[in-house]
Amino acid sequence: MKVTQEVLPDSQVGLEIEIPPEMSQKTYDQVLNKLMRTVNIPGFRKGKVPRQIFIQRVGMPQFKAAVLEELVQSAVDQAI
């Protein structure tokens, strides 16, 4: 992970964080597995929902938002 720091006025600091593809894929898989274990979809036992059906029922925009939130939070924590 590449972090570039920039000093801004009024004692502020700007960070530019470059996230490698491996970290993105790892976070994607972790969030997917976590959500698949907790979601309750009729016709499937909890935690046994196929990946494609999970994404179809939950919706790709909502899933991507969860992945981005987790990815940004972990990247900022590591950068600081």
N, C-alpha and C. Protein backbone atom coordinates (compact mmCIF):
# COMPACT_ATOMS: atom_id res chain seq x y z
N MET A 1 0.85 -1.16 0.00
CA MET A 1 0.00 0.00 0.00
C MET A 1 0.91 1.23 0.00
N LYS A 2 0.60 2.16 -0.88
CA LYS A 2 1.39 3.38 -1.01
C LYS A 2 0.60 4.54 -0.42
N VAL A 3 1.24 5.27 0.50
CA VAL A 3 0.60 6.40 1.16
C VAL A 3 1.42 7.65 0.92
N THR A 4 0.78 8.70 0.42
CA THR A 4 1.43 9.99 0.20
C THR A 4 0.75 11.01 1.10
N GLN A 5 1.58 11.74 1.84
CA GLN A 5 1.06 12.71 2.80
C GLN A 5 1.28 14.12 2.26
N GLU A 6 0.27 14.96 2.45
CA GLU A 6 0.33 16.34 1.99
C GLU A 6 -0.11 17.24 3.15
N VAL A 7 0.70 18.26 3.43
CA VAL A 7 0.36 19.20 4.50
C VAL A 7 -0.55 20.28 3.93
N LEU A 8 -1.69 20.47 4.59
CA LEU A 8 -2.67 21.45 4.17
C LEU A 8 -2.71 22.59 5.18
N PRO A 9 -3.31 23.72 4.83
CA PRO A 9 -3.40 24.83 5.79
C PRO A 9 -4.26 24.47 6.99
N ASP A 10 -4.13 25.26 8.05
CA ASP A 10 -4.90 25.09 9.29
C ASP A 10 -4.64 23.75 9.97
N SER A 11 -3.40 23.30 9.98
CA SER A 11 -2.97 22.08 10.66
C SER A 11 -3.69 20.83 10.16
N GLN A 12 -4.05 20.80 8.90
CA GLN A 12 -4.69 19.63 8.32
C GLN A 12 -3.68 18.85 7.51
N VAL A 13 -3.94 17.55 7.36
CA VAL A 13 -3.07 16.68 6.58
C VAL A 13 -3.92 15.92 5.58
N GLY A 14 -3.48 15.89 4.32
CA GLY A 14 -4.18 15.13 3.29
C GLY A 14 -3.42 13.84 3.02
N LEU A 15 -4.13 12.75 2.88
CA LEU A 15 -3.52 11.46 2.59
C LEU A 15 -4.01 10.96 1.24
N GLU A 16 -3.09 10.49 0.43
CA GLU A 16 -3.44 9.81 -0.81
C GLU A 16 -3.01 8.37 -0.64
N ILE A 17 -3.98 7.47 -0.65
CA ILE A 17 -3.72 6.06 -0.37
C ILE A 17 -3.98 5.25 -1.64
N GLU A 18 -2.97 4.50 -2.06
CA GLU A 18 -3.09 3.62 -3.21
C GLU A 18 -3.22 2.19 -2.70
N ILE A 19 -4.35 1.56 -3.00
CA ILE A 19 -4.64 0.22 -2.49
C ILE A 19 -4.32 -0.80 -3.58
N PRO A 20 -3.51 -1.82 -3.25
CA PRO A 20 -3.17 -2.83 -4.25
C PRO A 20 -4.37 -3.74 -4.55
N PRO A 21 -4.40 -4.33 -5.74
CA PRO A 21 -5.52 -5.19 -6.13
C PRO A 21 -5.71 -6.40 -5.20
N GLU A 22 -4.62 -6.91 -4.63
CA GLU A 22 -4.73 -8.07 -3.74
C GLU A 22 -5.54 -7.71 -2.49
N MET A 23 -5.32 -6.52 -1.98
CA MET A 23 -6.06 -6.08 -0.79
C MET A 23 -7.54 -5.88 -1.13
N SER A 24 -7.81 -5.35 -2.31
CA SER A 24 -9.20 -5.17 -2.73
C SER A 24 -9.91 -6.51 -2.86
N GLN A 25 -9.25 -7.49 -3.48
CA GLN A 25 -9.85 -8.81 -3.66
C GLN A 25 -10.06 -9.51 -2.32
N LYS A 26 -9.09 -9.37 -1.43
CA LYS A 26 -9.19 -9.99 -0.10
C LYS A 26 -10.38 -9.40 0.67
N THR A 27 -10.52 -8.09 0.63
CA THR A 27 -11.63 -7.42 1.32
C THR A 27 -12.96 -7.81 0.70
N TYR A 28 -13.02 -7.89 -0.62
CA TYR A 28 -14.24 -8.29 -1.34
C TYR A 28 -14.68 -9.67 -0.85
N ASP A 29 -13.74 -10.62 -0.82
CA ASP A 29 -14.07 -11.98 -0.40
C ASP A 29 -14.48 -12.04 1.07
N GLN A 30 -13.81 -11.29 1.93
CA GLN A 30 -14.14 -11.29 3.36
C GLN A 30 -15.56 -10.75 3.59
N VAL A 31 -15.89 -9.64 2.96
CA VAL A 31 -17.22 -9.05 3.14
C VAL A 31 -18.28 -9.97 2.56
N LEU A 32 -18.01 -10.56 1.41
CA LEU A 32 -18.96 -11.48 0.79
C LEU A 32 -19.25 -12.66 1.71
N ASN A 33 -18.21 -13.29 2.24
CA ASN A 33 -18.39 -14.43 3.13
C ASN A 33 -19.13 -14.04 4.41
N LYS A 34 -18.79 -12.88 4.95
CA LYS A 34 -19.44 -12.42 6.18
C LYS A 34 -20.93 -12.17 5.96
N LEU A 35 -21.27 -11.50 4.87
CA LEU A 35 -22.67 -11.21 4.59
C LEU A 35 -23.45 -12.46 4.20
N MET A 36 -22.81 -13.38 3.49
CA MET A 36 -23.49 -14.62 3.09
C MET A 36 -23.83 -15.48 4.30
N ARG A 37 -23.01 -15.42 5.35
CA ARG A 37 -23.29 -16.20 6.56
C ARG A 37 -24.43 -15.61 7.37
N THR A 38 -24.68 -14.32 7.24
CA THR A 38 -25.67 -13.67 8.09
C THR A 38 -27.01 -13.43 7.41
N VAL A 39 -27.06 -13.42 6.09
CA VAL A 39 -28.30 -13.10 5.39
C VAL A 39 -29.27 -14.29 5.45
N ASN A 40 -30.55 -13.97 5.52
CA ASN A 40 -31.59 -14.99 5.58
C ASN A 40 -32.45 -14.88 4.32
N ILE A 41 -32.27 -15.84 3.39
CA ILE A 41 -33.02 -15.85 2.15
C ILE A 41 -33.93 -17.08 2.16
N PRO A 42 -35.23 -16.88 1.94
CA PRO A 42 -36.16 -18.02 1.96
C PRO A 42 -35.75 -19.11 0.96
N GLY A 43 -35.84 -20.36 1.40
CA GLY A 43 -35.49 -21.49 0.55
C GLY A 43 -34.07 -21.98 0.76
N PHE A 44 -33.28 -21.25 1.55
CA PHE A 44 -31.89 -21.64 1.82
C PHE A 44 -31.63 -21.58 3.31
N ARG A 45 -30.80 -22.50 3.77
CA ARG A 45 -30.39 -22.45 5.17
C ARG A 45 -29.44 -21.28 5.35
N LYS A 46 -29.43 -20.74 6.55
CA LYS A 46 -28.56 -19.60 6.85
C LYS A 46 -27.10 -20.00 6.60
N GLY A 47 -26.41 -19.22 5.80
CA GLY A 47 -25.01 -19.50 5.50
C GLY A 47 -24.80 -20.42 4.32
N LYS A 48 -25.85 -20.91 3.71
CA LYS A 48 -25.73 -21.85 2.59
C LYS A 48 -26.27 -21.28 1.27
N VAL A 49 -26.35 -19.96 1.19
CA VAL A 49 -26.87 -19.30 -0.01
C VAL A 49 -25.77 -19.27 -1.08
N PRO A 50 -26.07 -19.71 -2.31
CA PRO A 50 -25.08 -19.60 -3.39
C PRO A 50 -24.72 -18.13 -3.66
N ARG A 51 -23.50 -17.91 -4.05
CA ARG A 51 -22.97 -16.56 -4.25
C ARG A 51 -23.82 -15.74 -5.23
N GLN A 52 -24.18 -16.33 -6.36
CA GLN A 52 -24.92 -15.61 -7.39
C GLN A 52 -26.31 -15.20 -6.89
N ILE A 53 -26.96 -16.08 -6.16
CA ILE A 53 -28.29 -15.77 -5.64
C ILE A 53 -28.19 -14.69 -4.56
N PHE A 54 -27.16 -14.76 -3.74
CA PHE A 54 -26.96 -13.74 -2.72
C PHE A 54 -26.83 -12.36 -3.35
N ILE A 55 -25.98 -12.24 -4.35
CA ILE A 55 -25.74 -10.94 -5.00
C ILE A 55 -27.02 -10.47 -5.71
N GLN A 56 -27.76 -11.41 -6.29
CA GLN A 56 -29.01 -11.05 -6.98
C GLN A 56 -30.04 -10.52 -5.98
N ARG A 57 -30.15 -11.13 -4.81
CA ARG A 57 -31.16 -10.73 -3.82
C ARG A 57 -30.77 -9.46 -3.07
N VAL A 58 -29.50 -9.35 -2.71
CA VAL A 58 -29.05 -8.19 -1.93
C VAL A 58 -28.89 -6.98 -2.83
N GLY A 59 -28.40 -7.20 -4.03
CA GLY A 59 -28.18 -6.10 -4.97
C GLY A 59 -26.72 -5.71 -5.00
N MET A 60 -26.20 -5.58 -6.19
CA MET A 60 -24.79 -5.27 -6.36
C MET A 60 -24.41 -3.90 -5.80
N PRO A 61 -25.23 -2.84 -5.98
CA PRO A 61 -24.84 -1.53 -5.42
C PRO A 61 -24.69 -1.56 -3.89
N GLN A 62 -25.61 -2.23 -3.21
CA GLN A 62 -25.54 -2.30 -1.75
C GLN A 62 -24.32 -3.11 -1.31
N PHE A 63 -24.04 -4.20 -2.02
CA PHE A 63 -22.88 -5.03 -1.70
C PHE A 63 -21.58 -4.27 -1.95
N LYS A 64 -21.48 -3.56 -3.07
CA LYS A 64 -20.28 -2.78 -3.37
C LYS A 64 -20.06 -1.69 -2.34
N ALA A 65 -21.14 -1.08 -1.88
CA ALA A 65 -21.02 -0.05 -0.85
C ALA A 65 -20.45 -0.63 0.44
N ALA A 66 -20.87 -1.83 0.81
CA ALA A 66 -20.35 -2.48 2.02
C ALA A 66 -18.87 -2.80 1.86
N VAL A 67 -18.48 -3.26 0.67
CA VAL A 67 -17.07 -3.59 0.41
C VAL A 67 -16.22 -2.32 0.45
N LEU A 68 -16.68 -1.25 -0.18
CA LEU A 68 -15.93 0.01 -0.19
C LEU A 68 -15.78 0.59 1.21
N GLU A 69 -16.84 0.51 1.99
CA GLU A 69 -16.78 1.02 3.36
C GLU A 69 -15.71 0.28 4.16
N GLU A 70 -15.70 -1.04 4.05
CA GLU A 70 -14.71 -1.85 4.78
C GLU A 70 -13.30 -1.58 4.25
N LEU A 71 -13.16 -1.48 2.94
CA LEU A 71 -11.85 -1.26 2.33
C LEU A 71 -11.27 0.09 2.72
N VAL A 72 -12.06 1.14 2.67
CA VAL A 72 -11.59 2.48 3.03
C VAL A 72 -11.23 2.53 4.51
N GLN A 73 -12.06 1.95 5.35
CA GLN A 73 -11.80 1.98 6.79
C GLN A 73 -10.50 1.26 7.12
N SER A 74 -10.26 0.07 6.55
CA SER A 74 -9.03 -0.66 6.85
C SER A 74 -7.81 0.05 6.27
N ALA A 75 -7.94 0.66 5.09
CA ALA A 75 -6.81 1.37 4.47
C ALA A 75 -6.43 2.59 5.28
N VAL A 76 -7.40 3.35 5.75
CA VAL A 76 -7.12 4.53 6.56
C VAL A 76 -6.48 4.13 7.89
N ASP A 77 -7.00 3.08 8.51
CA ASP A 77 -6.41 2.60 9.76
C ASP A 77 -4.95 2.21 9.59
N GLN A 78 -4.63 1.50 8.50
CA GLN A 78 -3.26 1.10 8.25
C GLN A 78 -2.38 2.30 7.90
N ALA A 79 -2.91 3.27 7.19
CA ALA A 79 -2.13 4.44 6.78
C ALA A 79 -1.77 5.32 7.98
N ILE A 80 -2.68 5.40 8.93
CA ILE A 80 -2.43 6.24 10.09
C ILE A 80 -1.45 5.53 11.00
